[in-house]
């Protein structure tokens, strides 16, 4: 999941924590595929903004300017923030597939993109 970055519906490792059954994994797959397609379309539509933010990051790192690096990170996160509503909607579709114990794991703030992966380079939509 980690290699998928923002195209991954759930944060890396969360599916393992949920201990999904084979049946649940099968039911989850179409939701994940649909979300990945949405991510790809979103990225394609926003590629110029993504490229500009990544270039700003490269320049800031070359200058070794922490303020610029943070500003560039926020710029990239702002682009990916537009994907958040799609992720939230997809998670709504996942909830009925889970047991009460699994829902408790899913709802734990430490298992959410926004809480646990705010500084992840491969998840600009985290914040």
C-alpha atoms as a PDB file:
ATOM      1  CA  UNK A   1       0.000   0.000   0.000  1.00  0.00           C
ATOM      2  CA  UNK A   2       2.808   2.417   0.811  1.00  0.00           C
ATOM      3  CA  UNK A   3       4.056   2.421  -2.776  1.00  0.00           C
ATOM      4  CA  UNK A   4       0.676   3.649  -3.955  1.00  0.00           C
ATOM      5  CA  UNK A   5       0.972   6.832  -1.896  1.00  0.00           C
ATOM      6  CA  UNK A   6      -2.083   9.006  -2.265  1.00  0.00           C
ATOM      7  CA  UNK A   7      -3.735   6.405  -4.510  1.00  0.00           C
ATOM      8  CA  UNK A   8      -4.089   4.086  -1.540  1.00  0.00           C
ATOM      9  CA  UNK A   9      -7.500   4.444   0.046  1.00  0.00           C
ATOM     10  CA  UNK A  10      -6.386   3.419   3.533  1.00  0.00           C
ATOM     11  CA  UNK A  11      -3.116   4.411   5.207  1.00  0.00           C
ATOM     12  CA  UNK A  12      -0.269   1.912   4.846  1.00  0.00           C
ATOM     13  CA  UNK A  13      -0.602  -0.961   7.274  1.00  0.00           C
ATOM     14  CA  UNK A  14      -4.218  -0.292   8.215  1.00  0.00           C
ATOM     15  CA  UNK A  15      -5.620  -3.236   6.246  1.00  0.00           C
ATOM     16  CA  UNK A  16      -3.240  -5.512   8.143  1.00  0.00           C
ATOM     17  CA  UNK A  17      -4.340  -3.997  11.474  1.00  0.00           C
ATOM     18  CA  UNK A  18      -7.975  -4.587  10.515  1.00  0.00           C
ATOM     19  CA  UNK A  19      -7.246  -8.287   9.908  1.00  0.00           C
ATOM     20  CA  UNK A  20      -9.711  -8.378   7.034  1.00  0.00           C
ATOM     21  CA  UNK A  21     -11.154 -11.713   5.991  1.00  0.00           C
ATOM     22  CA  UNK A  22     -10.748 -12.892   2.392  1.00  0.00           C
ATOM     23  CA  UNK A  23     -14.421 -12.048   1.845  1.00  0.00           C
ATOM     24  CA  UNK A  24     -13.939  -8.519   3.190  1.00  0.00           C
ATOM     25  CA  UNK A  25     -10.858  -8.026   1.024  1.00  0.00           C
ATOM     26  CA  UNK A  26     -12.907  -9.083  -1.997  1.00  0.00           C
ATOM     27  CA  UNK A  27     -15.688  -6.652  -1.124  1.00  0.00           C
ATOM     28  CA  UNK A  28     -13.161  -3.876  -0.511  1.00  0.00           C
ATOM     29  CA  UNK A  29     -11.310  -4.357  -3.810  1.00  0.00           C
ATOM     30  CA  UNK A  30     -13.844  -2.603  -6.119  1.00  0.00           C
ATOM     31  CA  UNK A  31     -13.968   0.383  -3.747  1.00  0.00           C
ATOM     32  CA  UNK A  32     -10.160   0.585  -3.781  1.00  0.00           C
ATOM     33  CA  UNK A  33     -10.025   0.259  -7.567  1.00  0.00           C
ATOM     34  CA  UNK A  34     -12.614   3.017  -7.979  1.00  0.00           C
ATOM     35  CA  UNK A  35     -10.694   5.268  -5.598  1.00  0.00           C
ATOM     36  CA  UNK A  36      -7.409   4.609  -7.439  1.00  0.00           C
ATOM     37  CA  UNK A  37      -9.125   5.586 -10.713  1.00  0.00           C
ATOM     38  CA  UNK A  38     -10.427   8.772  -9.111  1.00  0.00           C
ATOM     39  CA  UNK A  39      -6.906   9.535  -7.835  1.00  0.00           C
ATOM     40  CA  UNK A  40      -5.413   9.025 -11.275  1.00  0.00           C
ATOM     41  CA  UNK A  41      -8.011  11.353 -12.839  1.00  0.00           C
ATOM     42  CA  UNK A  42      -7.462  13.931 -10.109  1.00  0.00           C
ATOM     43  CA  UNK A  43      -3.698  13.775 -10.562  1.00  0.00           C
ATOM     44  CA  UNK A  44      -4.013  14.104 -14.333  1.00  0.00           C
ATOM     45  CA  UNK A  45      -6.257  17.153 -13.975  1.00  0.00           C
ATOM     46  CA  UNK A  46      -3.958  18.766 -11.409  1.00  0.00           C
ATOM     47  CA  UNK A  47      -0.558  17.736 -12.805  1.00  0.00           C
ATOM     48  CA  UNK A  48       0.613  21.294 -13.588  1.00  0.00           C
ATOM     49  CA  UNK A  49      -0.028  22.348  -9.965  1.00  0.00           C
ATOM     50  CA  UNK A  50       1.636  19.169  -8.669  1.00  0.00           C
ATOM     51  CA  UNK A  51       4.675  19.739 -10.892  1.00  0.00           C
ATOM     52  CA  UNK A  52       4.950  23.376  -9.728  1.00  0.00           C
ATOM     53  CA  UNK A  53       4.792  22.329  -6.074  1.00  0.00           C
ATOM     54  CA  UNK A  54       7.375  19.595  -6.600  1.00  0.00           C
ATOM     55  CA  UNK A  55       9.679  22.043  -8.381  1.00  0.00           C
ATOM     56  CA  UNK A  56       9.287  24.482  -5.481  1.00  0.00           C
ATOM     57  CA  UNK A  57      10.259  21.641  -3.148  1.00  0.00           C
ATOM     58  CA  UNK A  58      13.368  20.830  -5.204  1.00  0.00           C
ATOM     59  CA  UNK A  59      14.448  24.469  -5.231  1.00  0.00           C
ATOM     60  CA  UNK A  60      13.826  24.861  -1.494  1.00  0.00           C
ATOM     61  CA  UNK A  61      15.847  21.746  -0.720  1.00  0.00           C
ATOM     62  CA  UNK A  62      18.666  22.920  -2.954  1.00  0.00           C
ATOM     63  CA  UNK A  63      18.662  26.220  -1.067  1.00  0.00           C
ATOM     64  CA  UNK A  64      18.452  24.287   2.227  1.00  0.00           C
ATOM     65  CA  UNK A  65      15.833  26.783   3.376  1.00  0.00           C
ATOM     66  CA  UNK A  66      13.544  25.178   5.952  1.00  0.00           C
ATOM     67  CA  UNK A  67      10.883  27.862   5.635  1.00  0.00           C
ATOM     68  CA  UNK A  68      10.791  27.401   1.863  1.00  0.00           C
ATOM     69  CA  UNK A  69      10.690  23.604   2.252  1.00  0.00           C
ATOM     70  CA  UNK A  70       7.711  23.890   4.615  1.00  0.00           C
ATOM     71  CA  UNK A  71       5.949  26.334   2.275  1.00  0.00           C
ATOM     72  CA  UNK A  72       6.517  24.004  -0.675  1.00  0.00           C
ATOM     73  CA  UNK A  73       5.198  21.047   1.347  1.00  0.00           C
ATOM     74  CA  UNK A  74       2.061  23.026   2.207  1.00  0.00           C
ATOM     75  CA  UNK A  75       1.662  23.956  -1.465  1.00  0.00           C
ATOM     76  CA  UNK A  76       1.712  20.284  -2.479  1.00  0.00           C
ATOM     77  CA  UNK A  77      -0.599  19.304   0.370  1.00  0.00           C
ATOM     78  CA  UNK A  78      -3.045  21.993  -0.734  1.00  0.00           C
ATOM     79  CA  UNK A  79      -3.212  20.439  -4.201  1.00  0.00           C
ATOM     80  CA  UNK A  80      -3.839  16.948  -2.823  1.00  0.00           C
ATOM     81  CA  UNK A  81      -6.359  18.215  -0.255  1.00  0.00           C
ATOM     82  CA  UNK A  82      -8.910  18.276  -3.070  1.00  0.00           C
ATOM     83  CA  UNK A  83      -8.802  14.484  -3.019  1.00  0.00           C
ATOM     84  CA  UNK A  84      -9.882  14.254   0.641  1.00  0.00           C
ATOM     85  CA  UNK A  85     -13.665  14.320  -0.021  1.00  0.00           C
ATOM     86  CA  UNK A  86     -13.312  11.369  -2.407  1.00  0.00           C
ATOM     87  CA  UNK A  87     -11.379   9.391   0.212  1.00  0.00           C
ATOM     88  CA  UNK A  88     -13.956  10.208   2.898  1.00  0.00           C
ATOM     89  CA  UNK A  89     -16.811   9.097   0.630  1.00  0.00           C
ATOM     90  CA  UNK A  90     -15.040   5.833  -0.181  1.00  0.00           C
ATOM     91  CA  UNK A  91     -14.483   5.137   3.525  1.00  0.00           C
ATOM     92  CA  UNK A  92     -18.237   5.591   4.089  1.00  0.00           C
ATOM     93  CA  UNK A  93     -18.736   2.683   1.665  1.00  0.00           C
ATOM     94  CA  UNK A  94     -16.196   0.557   3.536  1.00  0.00           C
ATOM     95  CA  UNK A  95     -17.758   0.968   6.986  1.00  0.00           C
ATOM     96  CA  UNK A  96     -20.690  -1.456   6.445  1.00  0.00           C
ATOM     97  CA  UNK A  97     -18.200  -4.175   5.486  1.00  0.00           C
ATOM     98  CA  UNK A  98     -16.465  -4.064   8.874  1.00  0.00           C
ATOM     99  CA  UNK A  99     -17.163  -5.625  12.261  1.00  0.00           C
ATOM    100  CA  UNK A 100     -17.539  -3.415  15.365  1.00  0.00           C
ATOM    101  CA  UNK A 101     -13.956  -4.283  16.422  1.00  0.00           C
ATOM    102  CA  UNK A 102     -12.655  -3.344  12.980  1.00  0.00           C
ATOM    103  CA  UNK A 103     -14.617  -0.079  13.037  1.00  0.00           C
ATOM    104  CA  UNK A 104     -12.912   0.825  16.328  1.00  0.00           C
ATOM    105  CA  UNK A 105      -9.523   0.326  14.626  1.00  0.00           C
ATOM    106  CA  UNK A 106     -10.623   2.303  11.561  1.00  0.00           C
ATOM    107  CA  UNK A 107     -11.882   5.174  13.725  1.00  0.00           C
ATOM    108  CA  UNK A 108      -8.708   5.401  15.818  1.00  0.00           C
ATOM    109  CA  UNK A 109      -7.208   8.819  14.969  1.00  0.00           C
ATOM    110  CA  UNK A 110      -3.729   7.267  14.774  1.00  0.00           C
ATOM    111  CA  UNK A 111      -4.924   5.141  11.845  1.00  0.00           C
ATOM    112  CA  UNK A 112      -6.058   8.065   9.704  1.00  0.00           C
ATOM    113  CA  UNK A 113      -4.158   9.760   6.897  1.00  0.00           C
ATOM    114  CA  UNK A 114      -4.589  13.203   8.388  1.00  0.00           C
ATOM    115  CA  UNK A 115      -3.332  12.236  11.846  1.00  0.00           C
ATOM    116  CA  UNK A 116      -0.702   9.598  11.304  1.00  0.00           C
ATOM    117  CA  UNK A 117       0.840  10.584   7.992  1.00  0.00           C
ATOM    118  CA  UNK A 118       0.929  14.357   7.994  1.00  0.00           C
ATOM    119  CA  UNK A 119       4.582  14.445   7.077  1.00  0.00           C
ATOM    120  CA  UNK A 120       4.616  11.446   4.733  1.00  0.00           C
ATOM    121  CA  UNK A 121       6.284  12.407   1.479  1.00  0.00           C
ATOM    122  CA  UNK A 122       4.121   9.963  -0.434  1.00  0.00           C
ATOM    123  CA  UNK A 123       0.847  11.266   1.004  1.00  0.00           C
ATOM    124  CA  UNK A 124       0.498  14.938   0.205  1.00  0.00           C
ATOM    125  CA  UNK A 125      -3.243  14.716   0.929  1.00  0.00           C
ATOM    126  CA  UNK A 126      -2.580  13.913   4.577  1.00  0.00           C
ATOM    127  CA  UNK A 127      -3.041  17.418   5.896  1.00  0.00           C
END
